[in-house]
Amino acid sequence: MENMSDLESYFMITDINQAIYDTIEDSERIQCLILDISPDADLDKLFRPLNNNQTSEMLLGKEKARIKERPNHASWLRLYAIKLEPGCYIITGGAIKLTRTMQEREHTLRELNKMEYVRNFLINEGAIDADGLVDYLAEIQ
């Protein structure tokens, strides 16, 4: 109920029960996509650069995932991750994003900060790709 004004103004949603149902449905769909281990699975189709204007790959890029094909309104459910290399991501968190930018709400701003923290940590530890992460994990065990 605290976010009803965001739902109404940005998504034109007035039925809180429908919003809850849609969120649960999106959660189940995104979980199936993440856990798909079939040979045709491709996480690179699900994750996209966090910055919509980014046109080239970057080292340990910040990425987002959401359900694209959703009837009636865009999905507000997001997963956030750091991309180690094609098809390999470290999920840092998730949120319900009801505003145009992540800086507009405290809970999405926290997700931005977590992504930056994880990215900096990986760089400092030299874990800049999947092999580097495996090496780092072997060292700490």
C-alpha atoms as a PDB file:
ATOM      1  CA  MET A   1       0.000   0.000   0.000  1.00  0.00           C
ATOM      2  CA  GLU A   2       2.981   2.330   0.638  1.00  0.00           C
ATOM      3  CA  ASN A   3       3.794   2.246  -3.074  1.00  0.00           C
ATOM      4  CA  MET A   4       0.272   2.562  -4.427  1.00  0.00           C
ATOM      5  CA  SER A   5       0.908   6.060  -5.759  1.00  0.00           C
ATOM      6  CA  ASP A   6       3.863   4.753  -7.804  1.00  0.00           C
ATOM      7  CA  LEU A   7       1.736   1.920  -9.181  1.00  0.00           C
ATOM      8  CA  GLU A   8      -1.019   4.343 -10.145  1.00  0.00           C
ATOM      9  CA  SER A   9       1.140   7.096 -11.618  1.00  0.00           C
ATOM     10  CA  TYR A  10       3.747   5.065 -13.496  1.00  0.00           C
ATOM     11  CA  PHE A  11       1.876   1.846 -14.345  1.00  0.00           C
ATOM     12  CA  MET A  12      -1.765   2.970 -14.137  1.00  0.00           C
ATOM     13  CA  ILE A  13      -2.517   0.072 -11.749  1.00  0.00           C
ATOM     14  CA  THR A  14      -5.297   0.629  -9.220  1.00  0.00           C
ATOM     15  CA  ASP A  15      -5.977  -2.945  -8.061  1.00  0.00           C
ATOM     16  CA  ILE A  16      -3.402  -3.959  -5.436  1.00  0.00           C
ATOM     17  CA  ASN A  17      -4.481  -7.611  -5.607  1.00  0.00           C
ATOM     18  CA  GLN A  18      -3.795  -7.672  -9.343  1.00  0.00           C
ATOM     19  CA  ALA A  19      -0.381  -6.096  -8.717  1.00  0.00           C
ATOM     20  CA  ILE A  20       0.438  -8.829  -6.181  1.00  0.00           C
ATOM     21  CA  TYR A  21      -0.728 -11.565  -8.561  1.00  0.00           C
ATOM     22  CA  ASP A  22       1.317 -10.090 -11.429  1.00  0.00           C
ATOM     23  CA  THR A  23       4.422  -9.893  -9.226  1.00  0.00           C
ATOM     24  CA  ILE A  24       4.106 -13.532  -8.158  1.00  0.00           C
ATOM     25  CA  GLU A  25       3.552 -14.610 -11.761  1.00  0.00           C
ATOM     26  CA  ASP A  26       6.616 -12.666 -12.958  1.00  0.00           C
ATOM     27  CA  SER A  27       8.672 -14.117 -10.102  1.00  0.00           C
ATOM     28  CA  GLU A  28       7.786 -17.663 -11.135  1.00  0.00           C
ATOM     29  CA  ARG A  29       8.554 -16.966 -14.793  1.00  0.00           C
ATOM     30  CA  ILE A  30      11.926 -15.359 -14.098  1.00  0.00           C
ATOM     31  CA  GLN A  31      12.841 -18.200 -11.716  1.00  0.00           C
ATOM     32  CA  CYS A  32      12.169 -20.741 -14.475  1.00  0.00           C
ATOM     33  CA  LEU A  33      14.353 -18.779 -16.900  1.00  0.00           C
ATOM     34  CA  ILE A  34      17.222 -18.514 -14.395  1.00  0.00           C
ATOM     35  CA  LEU A  35      17.097 -22.186 -13.427  1.00  0.00           C
ATOM     36  CA  ASP A  36      16.743 -23.507 -16.999  1.00  0.00           C
ATOM     37  CA  ILE A  37      19.674 -25.856 -17.639  1.00  0.00           C
ATOM     38  CA  SER A  38      18.579 -27.026 -21.074  1.00  0.00           C
ATOM     39  CA  PRO A  39      21.077 -26.701 -23.948  1.00  0.00           C
ATOM     40  CA  ASP A  40      18.958 -23.892 -25.434  1.00  0.00           C
ATOM     41  CA  ALA A  41      19.061 -21.787 -22.256  1.00  0.00           C
ATOM     42  CA  ASP A  42      20.745 -18.420 -22.746  1.00  0.00           C
ATOM     43  CA  LEU A  43      21.022 -15.994 -19.839  1.00  0.00           C
ATOM     44  CA  ASP A  44      22.310 -13.349 -22.234  1.00  0.00           C
ATOM     45  CA  LYS A  45      18.777 -13.139 -23.655  1.00  0.00           C
ATOM     46  CA  LEU A  46      17.412 -12.418 -20.177  1.00  0.00           C
ATOM     47  CA  PHE A  47      20.015  -9.979 -18.827  1.00  0.00           C
ATOM     48  CA  ARG A  48      20.574  -6.555 -20.360  1.00  0.00           C
ATOM     49  CA  PRO A  49      22.900  -3.678 -19.431  1.00  0.00           C
ATOM     50  CA  LEU A  50      21.586  -1.684 -16.487  1.00  0.00           C
ATOM     51  CA  ASN A  51      22.144   1.524 -18.409  1.00  0.00           C
ATOM     52  CA  ASN A  52      19.738   1.522 -21.363  1.00  0.00           C
ATOM     53  CA  ASN A  53      22.149   3.754 -23.309  1.00  0.00           C
ATOM     54  CA  GLN A  54      25.143   1.408 -22.984  1.00  0.00           C
ATOM     55  CA  THR A  55      26.231   0.272 -26.440  1.00  0.00           C
ATOM     56  CA  SER A  56      29.375  -1.753 -25.730  1.00  0.00           C
ATOM     57  CA  GLU A  57      30.501  -4.446 -23.315  1.00  0.00           C
ATOM     58  CA  MET A  58      32.298  -3.330 -20.184  1.00  0.00           C
ATOM     59  CA  LEU A  59      34.417  -5.171 -17.652  1.00  0.00           C
ATOM     60  CA  LEU A  60      32.117  -6.656 -15.001  1.00  0.00           C
ATOM     61  CA  GLY A  61      29.099  -4.865 -16.429  1.00  0.00           C
ATOM     62  CA  LYS A  62      26.069  -4.071 -14.284  1.00  0.00           C
ATOM     63  CA  GLU A  63      23.048  -5.900 -15.678  1.00  0.00           C
ATOM     64  CA  LYS A  64      19.311  -6.234 -15.089  1.00  0.00           C
ATOM     65  CA  ALA A  65      16.787  -8.918 -15.910  1.00  0.00           C
ATOM     66  CA  ARG A  66      13.034  -8.656 -16.206  1.00  0.00           C
ATOM     67  CA  ILE A  67      10.155 -10.351 -17.941  1.00  0.00           C
ATOM     68  CA  LYS A  68       9.677  -8.681 -21.304  1.00  0.00           C
ATOM     69  CA  GLU A  69       6.490 -10.265 -22.624  1.00  0.00           C
ATOM     70  CA  ARG A  70       3.841  -9.376 -20.057  1.00  0.00           C
ATOM     71  CA  PRO A  71       0.219  -8.529 -20.856  1.00  0.00           C
ATOM     72  CA  ASN A  72      -1.348  -5.226 -19.707  1.00  0.00           C
ATOM     73  CA  HIS A  73       1.777  -3.518 -18.325  1.00  0.00           C
ATOM     74  CA  ALA A  74       5.551  -3.774 -18.187  1.00  0.00           C
ATOM     75  CA  SER A  75       7.047  -5.947 -15.475  1.00  0.00           C
ATOM     76  CA  TRP A  76       8.315  -4.084 -12.423  1.00  0.00           C
ATOM     77  CA  LEU A  77      10.200  -7.083 -11.020  1.00  0.00           C
ATOM     78  CA  ARG A  78      13.974  -6.856 -11.530  1.00  0.00           C
ATOM     79  CA  LEU A  79      17.017  -8.990 -10.847  1.00  0.00           C
ATOM     80  CA  TYR A  80      20.386  -7.242 -10.768  1.00  0.00           C
ATOM     81  CA  ALA A  81      23.701  -8.888 -11.574  1.00  0.00           C
ATOM     82  CA  ILE A  82      27.320  -8.429 -12.502  1.00  0.00           C
ATOM     83  CA  LYS A  83      28.245 -10.024 -15.831  1.00  0.00           C
ATOM     84  CA  LEU A  84      31.508 -11.964 -15.592  1.00  0.00           C
ATOM     85  CA  GLU A  85      31.423 -13.111 -19.199  1.00  0.00           C
ATOM     86  CA  PRO A  86      28.767 -14.196 -21.716  1.00  0.00           C
ATOM     87  CA  GLY A  87      26.305 -16.508 -19.985  1.00  0.00           C
ATOM     88  CA  CYS A  88      27.918 -16.078 -16.551  1.00  0.00           C
ATOM     89  CA  TYR A  89      26.404 -13.714 -13.995  1.00  0.00           C
ATOM     90  CA  ILE A  90      26.607 -13.046 -10.269  1.00  0.00           C
ATOM     91  CA  ILE A  91      23.174 -12.023  -9.063  1.00  0.00           C
ATOM     92  CA  THR A  92      23.535  -9.252  -6.491  1.00  0.00           C
ATOM     93  CA  GLY A  93      19.871  -8.730  -5.640  1.00  0.00           C
ATOM     94  CA  GLY A  94      16.487  -7.748  -6.905  1.00  0.00           C
ATOM     95  CA  ALA A  95      13.716  -5.239  -6.439  1.00  0.00           C
ATOM     96  CA  ILE A  96      10.298  -4.108  -7.452  1.00  0.00           C
ATOM     97  CA  LYS A  97      11.012  -1.007  -9.528  1.00  0.00           C
ATOM     98  CA  LEU A  98       7.982   1.252  -9.790  1.00  0.00           C
ATOM     99  CA  THR A  99       9.714   4.474 -10.837  1.00  0.00           C
ATOM    100  CA  ARG A 100      11.562   5.595 -13.953  1.00  0.00           C
ATOM    101  CA  THR A 101      14.994   5.608 -12.291  1.00  0.00           C
ATOM    102  CA  MET A 102      16.530   3.590  -9.490  1.00  0.00           C
ATOM    103  CA  GLN A 103      17.713   6.758  -7.731  1.00  0.00           C
ATOM    104  CA  GLU A 104      14.116   7.765  -6.959  1.00  0.00           C
ATOM    105  CA  ARG A 105      13.543   5.181  -4.210  1.00  0.00           C
ATOM    106  CA  GLU A 106      15.702   4.021  -1.318  1.00  0.00           C
ATOM    107  CA  HIS A 107      15.251   0.295  -1.937  1.00  0.00           C
ATOM    108  CA  THR A 108      16.386   0.490  -5.576  1.00  0.00           C
ATOM    109  CA  LEU A 109      19.234   2.830  -4.694  1.00  0.00           C
ATOM    110  CA  ARG A 110      20.444   0.153  -2.243  1.00  0.00           C
ATOM    111  CA  GLU A 111      20.490  -2.315  -5.150  1.00  0.00           C
ATOM    112  CA  LEU A 112      22.656   0.090  -7.168  1.00  0.00           C
ATOM    113  CA  ASN A 113      25.051   0.373  -4.248  1.00  0.00           C
ATOM    114  CA  LYS A 114      25.217  -3.435  -3.856  1.00  0.00           C
ATOM    115  CA  MET A 115      26.082  -3.871  -7.526  1.00  0.00           C
ATOM    116  CA  GLU A 116      28.847  -1.296  -7.251  1.00  0.00           C
ATOM    117  CA  TYR A 117      30.189  -2.914  -4.068  1.00  0.00           C
ATOM    118  CA  VAL A 118      30.267  -6.400  -5.650  1.00  0.00           C
ATOM    119  CA  ARG A 119      31.840  -5.056  -8.846  1.00  0.00           C
ATOM    120  CA  ASN A 120      34.596  -3.262  -6.899  1.00  0.00           C
ATOM    121  CA  PHE A 121      35.178  -6.341  -4.732  1.00  0.00           C
ATOM    122  CA  LEU A 122      35.602  -8.577  -7.792  1.00  0.00           C
ATOM    123  CA  ILE A 123      38.018  -6.125  -9.402  1.00  0.00           C
ATOM    124  CA  ASN A 124      40.071  -5.819  -6.210  1.00  0.00           C
ATOM    125  CA  GLU A 125      40.275  -9.621  -5.923  1.00  0.00           C
ATOM    126  CA  GLY A 126      41.183 -10.078  -9.588  1.00  0.00           C
ATOM    127  CA  ALA A 127      38.032 -12.098 -10.239  1.00  0.00           C
ATOM    128  CA  ILE A 128      37.185 -10.398 -13.518  1.00  0.00           C
ATOM    129  CA  ASP A 129      35.940 -13.487 -15.365  1.00  0.00           C
ATOM    130  CA  ALA A 130      34.619 -16.965 -14.537  1.00  0.00           C
ATOM    131  CA  ASP A 131      38.129 -18.465 -14.251  1.00  0.00           C
ATOM    132  CA  GLY A 132      39.194 -15.628 -11.968  1.00  0.00           C
ATOM    133  CA  LEU A 133      36.180 -16.231  -9.742  1.00  0.00           C
ATOM    134  CA  VAL A 134      36.926 -19.961  -9.548  1.00  0.00           C
ATOM    135  CA  ASP A 135      40.544 -19.174  -8.635  1.00  0.00           C
ATOM    136  CA  TYR A 136      39.426 -16.695  -5.952  1.00  0.00           C
ATOM    137  CA  LEU A 137      36.986 -19.205  -4.446  1.00  0.00           C
ATOM    138  CA  ALA A 138      39.695 -21.891  -4.407  1.00  0.00           C
ATOM    139  CA  GLU A 139      42.070 -19.525  -2.587  1.00  0.00           C
ATOM    140  CA  ILE A 140      39.652 -18.737   0.233  1.00  0.00           C
ATOM    141  CA  GLN A 141      38.799 -22.366   0.949  1.00  0.00           C
END
